Amino acid sequence: MTYIITEPCVDLKDGSCIDVCPVDCIYTTESDNMMFINPDECIDCAACEPVCPVAAIFVEEDVPADQQKYVPLNYDYFPGKDLDELREATRVAPRNLGE
């Protein structure tokens, strides 16, 4: 089980979730329009869920029916990516795009 970021995050990228994640499993880059949770690193701690200002984060099994396309989107984001490079890209990526 993992947490999934869904549509309300698109074009927002607040970043509060990144700040509270104890295992740094939430990623984005400057060119991404949302955040992504690495399912292999997520420890299911739920720290990210309550701080999301737009309620975009759900336990995978609780993702609303109209948001189901974000489950594979989150999983498919990570294969083939260098996580060290992705961590650095996340660190410098702009946030609060919705402001």
PDB file of N, CA and C in Angstrom:
ATOM      1  N   MET A   1       0.840  -1.186   0.000  1.00  0.00           N
ATOM      2  CA  MET A   1       0.000   0.000   0.000  1.00  0.00           C
ATOM      3  C   MET A   1       0.884   1.248   0.000  1.00  0.00           C
ATOM      4  N   THR A   2       0.421   2.254  -0.673  1.00  0.00           N
ATOM      5  CA  THR A   2       1.129   3.522  -0.716  1.00  0.00           C
ATOM      6  C   THR A   2       0.099   4.644  -0.768  1.00  0.00           C
ATOM      7  N   TYR A   3       0.583   5.832  -0.692  1.00  0.00           N
ATOM      8  CA  TYR A   3      -0.280   7.004  -0.865  1.00  0.00           C
ATOM      9  C   TYR A   3      -0.142   7.484  -2.298  1.00  0.00           C
ATOM     10  N   ILE A   4      -1.225   8.053  -2.806  1.00  0.00           N
ATOM     11  CA  ILE A   4      -1.290   8.509  -4.196  1.00  0.00           C
ATOM     12  C   ILE A   4      -1.680   9.982  -4.203  1.00  0.00           C
ATOM     13  N   ILE A   5      -0.988  10.761  -5.014  1.00  0.00           N
ATOM     14  CA  ILE A   5      -1.325  12.172  -5.194  1.00  0.00           C
ATOM     15  C   ILE A   5      -2.221  12.272  -6.430  1.00  0.00           C
ATOM     16  N   THR A   6      -3.303  13.032  -6.294  1.00  0.00           N
ATOM     17  CA  THR A   6      -4.317  13.077  -7.345  1.00  0.00           C
ATOM     18  C   THR A   6      -4.495  14.489  -7.925  1.00  0.00           C
ATOM     19  N   GLU A   7      -5.532  14.634  -8.720  1.00  0.00           N
ATOM     20  CA  GLU A   7      -5.764  15.830  -9.536  1.00  0.00           C
ATOM     21  C   GLU A   7      -5.679  17.186  -8.828  1.00  0.00           C
ATOM     22  N   PRO A   8      -6.159  17.346  -7.601  1.00  0.00           N
ATOM     23  CA  PRO A   8      -6.073  18.679  -7.002  1.00  0.00           C
ATOM     24  C   PRO A   8      -4.641  19.238  -6.916  1.00  0.00           C
ATOM     25  N   CYS A   9      -3.647  18.360  -6.985  1.00  0.00           N
ATOM     26  CA  CYS A   9      -2.247  18.814  -6.947  1.00  0.00           C
ATOM     27  C   CYS A   9      -1.775  19.352  -8.302  1.00  0.00           C
ATOM     28  N   VAL A  10      -2.443  18.949  -9.358  1.00  0.00           N
ATOM     29  CA  VAL A  10      -2.016  19.359 -10.700  1.00  0.00           C
ATOM     30  C   VAL A  10      -1.991  20.883 -10.791  1.00  0.00           C
ATOM     31  N   ASP A  11      -0.857  21.394 -11.215  1.00  0.00           N
ATOM     32  CA  ASP A  11      -0.597  22.825 -11.366  1.00  0.00           C
ATOM     33  C   ASP A  11      -0.575  23.597 -10.049  1.00  0.00           C
ATOM     34  N   LEU A  12      -0.522  22.893  -8.932  1.00  0.00           N
ATOM     35  CA  LEU A  12      -0.413  23.565  -7.640  1.00  0.00           C
ATOM     36  C   LEU A  12       0.984  23.391  -7.054  1.00  0.00           C
ATOM     37  N   LYS A  13       1.373  22.121  -6.829  1.00  0.00           N
ATOM     38  CA  LYS A  13       2.695  21.798  -6.288  1.00  0.00           C
ATOM     39  C   LYS A  13       3.024  22.630  -5.047  1.00  0.00           C
ATOM     40  N   ASP A  14       2.170  22.569  -4.060  1.00  0.00           N
ATOM     41  CA  ASP A  14       2.365  23.307  -2.812  1.00  0.00           C
ATOM     42  C   ASP A  14       3.661  22.930  -2.116  1.00  0.00           C
ATOM     43  N   GLY A  15       3.946  21.653  -1.989  1.00  0.00           N
ATOM     44  CA  GLY A  15       5.194  21.201  -1.383  1.00  0.00           C
ATOM     45  C   GLY A  15       5.128  20.919   0.105  1.00  0.00           C
ATOM     46  N   SER A  16       4.011  21.178   0.749  1.00  0.00           N
ATOM     47  CA  SER A  16       3.888  20.882   2.182  1.00  0.00           C
ATOM     48  C   SER A  16       4.137  19.404   2.449  1.00  0.00           C
ATOM     49  N   CYS A  17       3.687  18.561   1.538  1.00  0.00           N
ATOM     50  CA  CYS A  17       3.865  17.120   1.695  1.00  0.00           C
ATOM     51  C   CYS A  17       5.344  16.736   1.708  1.00  0.00           C
ATOM     52  N   ILE A  18       6.118  17.375   0.857  1.00  0.00           N
ATOM     53  CA  ILE A  18       7.560  17.101   0.811  1.00  0.00           C
ATOM     54  C   ILE A  18       8.216  17.475   2.131  1.00  0.00           C
ATOM     55  N   ASP A  19       7.792  18.597   2.690  1.00  0.00           N
ATOM     56  CA  ASP A  19       8.397  19.097   3.929  1.00  0.00           C
ATOM     57  C   ASP A  19       8.181  18.169   5.118  1.00  0.00           C
ATOM     58  N   VAL A  20       7.079  17.428   5.140  1.00  0.00           N
ATOM     59  CA  VAL A  20       6.779  16.578   6.300  1.00  0.00           C
ATOM     60  C   VAL A  20       7.120  15.108   6.099  1.00  0.00           C
ATOM     61  N   CYS A  21       7.450  14.705   4.905  1.00  0.00           N
ATOM     62  CA  CYS A  21       7.722  13.287   4.634  1.00  0.00           C
ATOM     63  C   CYS A  21       9.004  12.847   5.342  1.00  0.00           C
ATOM     64  N   PRO A  22       8.902  11.872   6.256  1.00  0.00           N
ATOM     65  CA  PRO A  22      10.092  11.458   7.010  1.00  0.00           C
ATOM     66  C   PRO A  22      11.094  10.636   6.199  1.00  0.00           C
ATOM     67  N   VAL A  23      10.668  10.117   5.038  1.00  0.00           N
ATOM     68  CA  VAL A  23      11.579   9.302   4.233  1.00  0.00           C
ATOM     69  C   VAL A  23      11.868   9.920   2.863  1.00  0.00           C
ATOM     70  N   ASP A  24      11.450  11.151   2.658  1.00  0.00           N
ATOM     71  CA  ASP A  24      11.717  11.869   1.404  1.00  0.00           C
ATOM     72  C   ASP A  24      11.330  11.047   0.173  1.00  0.00           C
ATOM     73  N   CYS A  25      10.085  10.567   0.162  1.00  0.00           N
ATOM     74  CA  CYS A  25       9.643   9.746  -0.965  1.00  0.00           C
ATOM     75  C   CYS A  25       8.734  10.500  -1.932  1.00  0.00           C
ATOM     76  N   ILE A  26       8.626  11.812  -1.777  1.00  0.00           N
ATOM     77  CA  ILE A  26       7.771  12.612  -2.652  1.00  0.00           C
ATOM     78  C   ILE A  26       8.661  13.451  -3.562  1.00  0.00           C
ATOM     79  N   TYR A  27       8.389  13.362  -4.858  1.00  0.00           N
ATOM     80  CA  TYR A  27       9.270  13.956  -5.844  1.00  0.00           C
ATOM     81  C   TYR A  27       8.518  14.821  -6.848  1.00  0.00           C
ATOM     82  N   THR A  28       9.272  15.716  -7.470  1.00  0.00           N
ATOM     83  CA  THR A  28       8.787  16.503  -8.593  1.00  0.00           C
ATOM     84  C   THR A  28      10.007  17.110  -9.281  1.00  0.00           C
ATOM     85  N   THR A  29       9.804  17.615 -10.462  1.00  0.00           N
ATOM     86  CA  THR A  29      10.856  18.360 -11.154  1.00  0.00           C
ATOM     87  C   THR A  29      10.249  19.671 -11.633  1.00  0.00           C
ATOM     88  N   GLU A  30      11.070  20.538 -12.123  1.00  0.00           N
ATOM     89  CA  GLU A  30      10.575  21.815 -12.623  1.00  0.00           C
ATOM     90  C   GLU A  30       9.559  21.617 -13.742  1.00  0.00           C
ATOM     91  N   SER A  31       9.762  20.611 -14.564  1.00  0.00           N
ATOM     92  CA  SER A  31       8.864  20.406 -15.697  1.00  0.00           C
ATOM     93  C   SER A  31       7.598  19.616 -15.347  1.00  0.00           C
ATOM     94  N   ASP A  32       7.545  19.014 -14.170  1.00  0.00           N
ATOM     95  CA  ASP A  32       6.337  18.297 -13.750  1.00  0.00           C
ATOM     96  C   ASP A  32       5.271  19.287 -13.305  1.00  0.00           C
ATOM     97  N   ASN A  33       4.016  18.881 -13.443  1.00  0.00           N
ATOM     98  CA  ASN A  33       2.931  19.765 -13.008  1.00  0.00           C
ATOM     99  C   ASN A  33       2.298  19.307 -11.695  1.00  0.00           C
ATOM    100  N   MET A  34       2.923  18.318 -11.036  1.00  0.00           N
ATOM    101  CA  MET A  34       2.426  17.827  -9.757  1.00  0.00           C
ATOM    102  C   MET A  34       3.531  17.073  -9.025  1.00  0.00           C
ATOM    103  N   MET A  35       3.228  16.629  -7.810  1.00  0.00           N
ATOM    104  CA  MET A  35       4.139  15.817  -7.015  1.00  0.00           C
ATOM    105  C   MET A  35       3.797  14.345  -7.226  1.00  0.00           C
ATOM    106  N   PHE A  36       4.768  13.464  -6.927  1.00  0.00           N
ATOM    107  CA  PHE A  36       4.581  12.024  -7.062  1.00  0.00           C
ATOM    108  C   PHE A  36       5.184  11.329  -5.851  1.00  0.00           C
ATOM    109  N   ILE A  37       4.499  10.309  -5.338  1.00  0.00           N
ATOM    110  CA  ILE A  37       4.987   9.534  -4.198  1.00  0.00           C
ATOM    111  C   ILE A  37       5.560   8.225  -4.717  1.00  0.00           C
ATOM    112  N   ASN A  38       6.810   7.947  -4.354  1.00  0.00           N
ATOM    113  CA  ASN A  38       7.456   6.711  -4.781  1.00  0.00           C
ATOM    114  C   ASN A  38       6.886   5.543  -3.975  1.00  0.00           C
ATOM    115  N   PRO A  39       6.178   4.620  -4.627  1.00  0.00           N
ATOM    116  CA  PRO A  39       5.549   3.522  -3.900  1.00  0.00           C
ATOM    117  C   PRO A  39       6.549   2.572  -3.252  1.00  0.00           C
ATOM    118  N   ASP A  40       7.773   2.526  -3.754  1.00  0.00           N
ATOM    119  CA  ASP A  40       8.791   1.652  -3.171  1.00  0.00           C
ATOM    120  C   ASP A  40       9.418   2.250  -1.920  1.00  0.00           C
ATOM    121  N   GLU A  41       9.276   3.549  -1.730  1.00  0.00           N
ATOM    122  CA  GLU A  41       9.874   4.217  -0.569  1.00  0.00           C
ATOM    123  C   GLU A  41       8.850   4.628   0.488  1.00  0.00           C
ATOM    124  N   CYS A  42       7.604   4.771   0.095  1.00  0.00           N
ATOM    125  CA  CYS A  42       6.563   5.213   1.013  1.00  0.00           C
ATOM    126  C   CYS A  42       6.397   4.198   2.151  1.00  0.00           C
ATOM    127  N   ILE A  43       6.384   4.707   3.383  1.00  0.00           N
ATOM    128  CA  ILE A  43       6.241   3.827   4.548  1.00  0.00           C
ATOM    129  C   ILE A  43       4.827   3.899   5.122  1.00  0.00           C
ATOM    130  N   ASP A  44       3.918   4.481   4.410  1.00  0.00           N
ATOM    131  CA  ASP A  44       2.508   4.553   4.813  1.00  0.00           C
ATOM    132  C   ASP A  44       2.313   5.242   6.159  1.00  0.00           C
ATOM    133  N   CYS A  45       3.078   6.272   6.416  1.00  0.00           N
ATOM    134  CA  CYS A  45       3.004   6.955   7.711  1.00  0.00           C
ATOM    135  C   CYS A  45       1.859   7.967   7.778  1.00  0.00           C
ATOM    136  N   ALA A  46       1.359   8.382   6.641  1.00  0.00           N
ATOM    137  CA  ALA A  46       0.236   9.325   6.538  1.00  0.00           C
ATOM    138  C   ALA A  46       0.599  10.759   6.895  1.00  0.00           C
ATOM    139  N   ALA A  47       1.862  11.080   7.054  1.00  0.00           N
ATOM    140  CA  ALA A  47       2.249  12.448   7.406  1.00  0.00           C
ATOM    141  C   ALA A  47       1.860  13.451   6.320  1.00  0.00           C
ATOM    142  N   CYS A  48       1.886  13.033   5.079  1.00  0.00           N
ATOM    143  CA  CYS A  48       1.606  13.932   3.965  1.00  0.00           C
ATOM    144  C   CYS A  48       0.125  14.274   3.816  1.00  0.00           C
ATOM    145  N   GLU A  49      -0.717  13.334   4.115  1.00  0.00           N
ATOM    146  CA  GLU A  49      -2.159  13.493   3.851  1.00  0.00           C
ATOM    147  C   GLU A  49      -2.787  14.710   4.534  1.00  0.00           C
ATOM    148  N   PRO A  50      -2.600  14.910   5.837  1.00  0.00           N
ATOM    149  CA  PRO A  50      -3.286  16.034   6.483  1.00  0.00           C
ATOM    150  C   PRO A  50      -2.722  17.415   6.146  1.00  0.00           C
ATOM    151  N   VAL A  51      -1.488  17.489   5.647  1.00  0.00           N
ATOM    152  CA  VAL A  51      -0.910  18.806   5.356  1.00  0.00           C
ATOM    153  C   VAL A  51      -1.200  19.289   3.942  1.00  0.00           C
ATOM    154  N   CYS A  52      -1.732  18.422   3.108  1.00  0.00           N
ATOM    155  CA  CYS A  52      -2.045  18.817   1.735  1.00  0.00           C
ATOM    156  C   CYS A  52      -3.167  19.856   1.753  1.00  0.00           C
ATOM    157  N   PRO A  53      -2.914  21.050   1.244  1.00  0.00           N
ATOM    158  CA  PRO A  53      -3.921  22.117   1.318  1.00  0.00           C
ATOM    159  C   PRO A  53      -5.133  21.906   0.414  1.00  0.00           C
ATOM    160  N   VAL A  54      -5.042  20.944  -0.501  1.00  0.00           N
ATOM    161  CA  VAL A  54      -6.155  20.714  -1.425  1.00  0.00           C
ATOM    162  C   VAL A  54      -6.696  19.286  -1.353  1.00  0.00           C
ATOM    163  N   ALA A  55      -6.337  18.550  -0.308  1.00  0.00           N
ATOM    164  CA  ALA A  55      -6.819  17.170  -0.105  1.00  0.00           C
ATOM    165  C   ALA A  55      -6.610  16.305  -1.346  1.00  0.00           C
ATOM    166  N   ALA A  56      -5.386  16.319  -1.865  1.00  0.00           N
ATOM    167  CA  ALA A  56      -5.063  15.565  -3.075  1.00  0.00           C
ATOM    168  C   ALA A  56      -4.431  14.211  -2.793  1.00  0.00           C
ATOM    169  N   ILE A  57      -4.148  13.886  -1.533  1.00  0.00           N
ATOM    170  CA  ILE A  57      -3.407  12.671  -1.200  1.00  0.00           C
ATOM    171  C   ILE A  57      -4.333  11.659  -0.528  1.00  0.00           C
ATOM    172  N   PHE A  58      -4.310  10.435  -1.072  1.00  0.00           N
ATOM    173  CA  PHE A  58      -5.158   9.362  -0.567  1.00  0.00           C
ATOM    174  C   PHE A  58      -4.356   8.083  -0.415  1.00  0.00           C
ATOM    175  N   VAL A  59      -4.765   7.237   0.544  1.00  0.00           N
ATOM    176  CA  VAL A  59      -4.273   5.864   0.562  1.00  0.00           C
ATOM    177  C   VAL A  59      -4.723   5.259  -0.756  1.00  0.00           C
ATOM    178  N   GLU A  60      -3.871   4.474  -1.382  1.00  0.00           N
ATOM    179  CA  GLU A  60      -4.176   3.938  -2.709  1.00  0.00           C
ATOM    180  C   GLU A  60      -5.566   3.317  -2.795  1.00  0.00           C
ATOM    181  N   GLU A  61      -5.953   2.557  -1.820  1.00  0.00           N
ATOM    182  CA  GLU A  61      -7.259   1.885  -1.877  1.00  0.00           C
ATOM    183  C   GLU A  61      -8.440   2.836  -1.691  1.00  0.00           C
ATOM    184  N   ASP A  62      -8.155   4.075  -1.263  1.00  0.00           N
ATOM    185  CA  ASP A  62      -9.215   5.061  -1.051  1.00  0.00           C
ATOM    186  C   ASP A  62      -9.258   6.166  -2.104  1.00  0.00           C
ATOM    187  N   VAL A  63      -8.467   6.025  -3.162  1.00  0.00           N
ATOM    188  CA  VAL A  63      -8.489   7.027  -4.228  1.00  0.00           C
ATOM    189  C   VAL A  63      -9.902   7.033  -4.829  1.00  0.00           C
ATOM    190  N   PRO A  64     -10.527   8.210  -4.901  1.00  0.00           N
ATOM    191  CA  PRO A  64     -11.886   8.279  -5.456  1.00  0.00           C
ATOM    192  C   PRO A  64     -11.951   7.716  -6.881  1.00  0.00           C
ATOM    193  N   ALA A  65     -13.099   7.190  -7.231  1.00  0.00           N
ATOM    194  CA  ALA A  65     -13.287   6.573  -8.548  1.00  0.00           C
ATOM    195  C   ALA A  65     -12.910   7.511  -9.683  1.00  0.00           C
ATOM    196  N   ASP A  66     -13.243   8.791  -9.554  1.00  0.00           N
ATOM    197  CA  ASP A  66     -12.944   9.736 -10.631  1.00  0.00           C
ATOM    198  C   ASP A  66     -11.482  10.164 -10.671  1.00  0.00           C
ATOM    199  N   GLN A  67     -10.680   9.658  -9.734  1.00  0.00           N
ATOM    200  CA  GLN A  67      -9.254   9.986  -9.672  1.00  0.00           C
ATOM    201  C   GLN A  67      -8.367   8.759  -9.906  1.00  0.00           C
ATOM    202  N   GLN A  68      -8.944   7.638 -10.265  1.00  0.00           N
ATOM    203  CA  GLN A  68      -8.207   6.376 -10.402  1.00  0.00           C
ATOM    204  C   GLN A  68      -7.061   6.443 -11.410  1.00  0.00           C
ATOM    205  N   LYS A  69      -7.144   7.319 -12.395  1.00  0.00           N
ATOM    206  CA  LYS A  69      -6.060   7.397 -13.386  1.00  0.00           C
ATOM    207  C   LYS A  69      -4.744   7.842 -12.748  1.00  0.00           C
ATOM    208  N   TYR A  70      -4.806   8.432 -11.551  1.00  0.00           N
ATOM    209  CA  TYR A  70      -3.586   8.884 -10.887  1.00  0.00           C
ATOM    210  C   TYR A  70      -2.825   7.761 -10.198  1.00  0.00           C
ATOM    211  N   VAL A  71      -3.449   6.617  -9.998  1.00  0.00           N
ATOM    212  CA  VAL A  71      -2.747   5.484  -9.388  1.00  0.00           C
ATOM    213  C   VAL A  71      -1.626   5.018 -10.319  1.00  0.00           C
ATOM    214  N   PRO A  72      -1.921   4.624 -11.558  1.00  0.00           N
ATOM    215  CA  PRO A  72      -0.815   4.223 -12.433  1.00  0.00           C
ATOM    216  C   PRO A  72       0.124   5.382 -12.765  1.00  0.00           C
ATOM    217  N   LEU A  73      -0.408   6.592 -12.806  1.00  0.00           N
ATOM    218  CA  LEU A  73       0.434   7.755 -13.082  1.00  0.00           C
ATOM    219  C   LEU A  73       1.547   7.872 -12.036  1.00  0.00           C
ATOM    220  N   ASN A  74       1.205   7.665 -10.756  1.00  0.00           N
ATOM    221  CA  ASN A  74       2.201   7.714  -9.689  1.00  0.00           C
ATOM    222  C   ASN A  74       3.183   6.558  -9.808  1.00  0.00           C
ATOM    223  N   TYR A  75       2.684   5.351 -10.066  1.00  0.00           N
ATOM    224  CA  TYR A  75       3.563   4.188 -10.192  1.00  0.00           C
ATOM    225  C   TYR A  75       4.482   4.311 -11.408  1.00  0.00           C
ATOM    226  N   ASP A  76       3.948   4.775 -12.517  1.00  0.00           N
ATOM    227  CA  ASP A  76       4.707   4.831 -13.765  1.00  0.00           C
ATOM    228  C   ASP A  76       5.714   5.968 -13.819  1.00  0.00           C
ATOM    229  N   TYR A  77       5.658   6.867 -12.871  1.00  0.00           N
ATOM    230  CA  TYR A  77       6.564   8.014 -12.858  1.00  0.00           C
ATOM    231  C   TYR A  77       8.012   7.609 -12.568  1.00  0.00           C
ATOM    232  N   PHE A  78       8.219   6.567 -11.775  1.00  0.00           N
ATOM    233  CA  PHE A  78       9.545   6.271 -11.239  1.00  0.00           C
ATOM    234  C   PHE A  78      10.439   5.315 -12.029  1.00  0.00           C
ATOM    235  N   PRO A  79       9.933   4.308 -12.698  1.00  0.00           N
ATOM    236  CA  PRO A  79      10.830   3.389 -13.400  1.00  0.00           C
ATOM    237  C   PRO A  79      11.752   4.106 -14.385  1.00  0.00           C
ATOM    238  N   GLY A  80      13.022   3.747 -14.313  1.00  0.00           N
ATOM    239  CA  GLY A  80      14.020   4.317 -15.211  1.00  0.00           C
ATOM    240  C   GLY A  80      14.610   5.640 -14.770  1.00  0.00           C
ATOM    241  N   LYS A  81      14.101   6.195 -13.672  1.00  0.00           N
ATOM    242  CA  LYS A  81      14.637   7.475 -13.189  1.00  0.00           C
ATOM    243  C   LYS A  81      15.738   7.233 -12.161  1.00  0.00           C
ATOM    244  N   ASP A  82      16.755   8.070 -12.189  1.00  0.00           N
ATOM    245  CA  ASP A  82      17.821   8.050 -11.192  1.00  0.00           C
ATOM    246  C   ASP A  82      17.303   8.803  -9.970  1.00  0.00           C
ATOM    247  N   LEU A  83      17.120   8.111  -8.850  1.00  0.00           N
ATOM    248  CA  LEU A  83      16.526   8.743  -7.674  1.00  0.00           C
ATOM    249  C   LEU A  83      17.403   9.839  -7.079  1.00  0.00           C
ATOM    250  N   ASP A  84      18.711   9.715  -7.188  1.00  0.00           N
ATOM    251  CA  ASP A  84      19.583  10.785  -6.683  1.00  0.00           C
ATOM    252  C   ASP A  84      19.366  12.068  -7.487  1.00  0.00           C
ATOM    253  N   GLU A  85      19.283  11.925  -8.796  1.00  0.00           N
ATOM    254  CA  GLU A  85      19.023  13.089  -9.646  1.00  0.00           C
ATOM    255  C   GLU A  85      17.625  13.646  -9.379  1.00  0.00           C
ATOM    256  N   LEU A  86      16.682  12.764  -9.168  1.00  0.00           N
ATOM    257  CA  LEU A  86      15.310  13.188  -8.895  1.00  0.00           C
ATOM    258  C   LEU A  86      15.208  13.910  -7.553  1.00  0.00           C
ATOM    259  N   ARG A  87      15.956  13.446  -6.555  1.00  0.00           N
ATOM    260  CA  ARG A  87      15.977  14.141  -5.256  1.00  0.00           C
ATOM    261  C   ARG A  87      16.496  15.568  -5.408  1.00  0.00           C
ATOM    262  N   GLU A  88      17.552  15.728  -6.173  1.00  0.00           N
ATOM    263  CA  GLU A  88      18.109  17.063  -6.384  1.00  0.00           C
ATOM    264  C   GLU A  88      17.132  17.930  -7.173  1.00  0.00           C
ATOM    265  N   ALA A  89      16.503  17.357  -8.188  1.00  0.00           N
ATOM    266  CA  ALA A  89      15.520  18.108  -8.976  1.00  0.00           C
ATOM    267  C   ALA A  89      14.350  18.540  -8.091  1.00  0.00           C
ATOM    268  N   THR A  90      13.943  17.680  -7.174  1.00  0.00           N
ATOM    269  CA  THR A  90      12.847  18.004  -6.257  1.00  0.00           C
ATOM    270  C   THR A  90      13.258  19.140  -5.334  1.00  0.00           C
ATOM    271  N   ARG A  91      14.479  19.078  -4.864  1.00  0.00           N
ATOM    272  CA  ARG A  91      14.971  20.101  -3.933  1.00  0.00           C
ATOM    273  C   ARG A  91      14.916  21.496  -4.551  1.00  0.00           C
ATOM    274  N   VAL A  92      15.185  21.607  -5.835  1.00  0.00           N
ATOM    275  CA  VAL A  92      15.258  22.925  -6.471  1.00  0.00           C
ATOM    276  C   VAL A  92      14.019  23.271  -7.314  1.00  0.00           C
ATOM    277  N   ALA A  93      13.057  22.349  -7.395  1.00  0.00           N
ATOM    278  CA  ALA A  93      11.859  22.609  -8.211  1.00  0.00           C
ATOM    279  C   ALA A  93      11.016  23.718  -7.599  1.00  0.00           C
ATOM    280  N   PRO A  94      10.451  24.563  -8.436  1.00  0.00           N
ATOM    281  CA  PRO A  94       9.558  25.617  -7.925  1.00  0.00           C
ATOM    282  C   PRO A  94       8.315  25.001  -7.296  1.00  0.00           C
ATOM    283  N   ARG A  95       7.802  25.697  -6.312  1.00  0.00           N
ATOM    284  CA  ARG A  95       6.588  25.259  -5.606  1.00  0.00           C
ATOM    285  C   ARG A  95       5.537  26.359  -5.673  1.00  0.00           C
ATOM    286  N   ASN A  96       4.356  26.000  -5.201  1.00  0.00           N
ATOM    287  CA  ASN A  96       3.241  26.947  -5.141  1.00  0.00           C
ATOM    288  C   ASN A  96       2.909  27.533  -6.499  1.00  0.00           C
ATOM    289  N   LEU A  97       2.823  26.679  -7.491  1.00  0.00           N
ATOM    290  CA  LEU A  97       2.518  27.156  -8.834  1.00  0.00           C
ATOM    291  C   LEU A  97       1.113  27.690  -8.951  1.00  0.00           C
ATOM    292  N   GLY A  98       0.240  27.281  -8.036  1.00  0.00           N
ATOM    293  CA  GLY A  98      -1.142  27.724  -8.100  1.00  0.00           C
ATOM    294  C   GLY A  98      -1.386  29.109  -7.555  1.00  0.00           C
ATOM    295  N   GLU A  99      -0.389  29.733  -7.004  1.00  0.00           N
ATOM    296  CA  GLU A  99      -0.567  31.075  -6.421  1.00  0.00           C
ATOM    297  C   GLU A  99      -0.565  32.148  -7.477  1.00  0.00           C
TER     298      GLU A  99
END
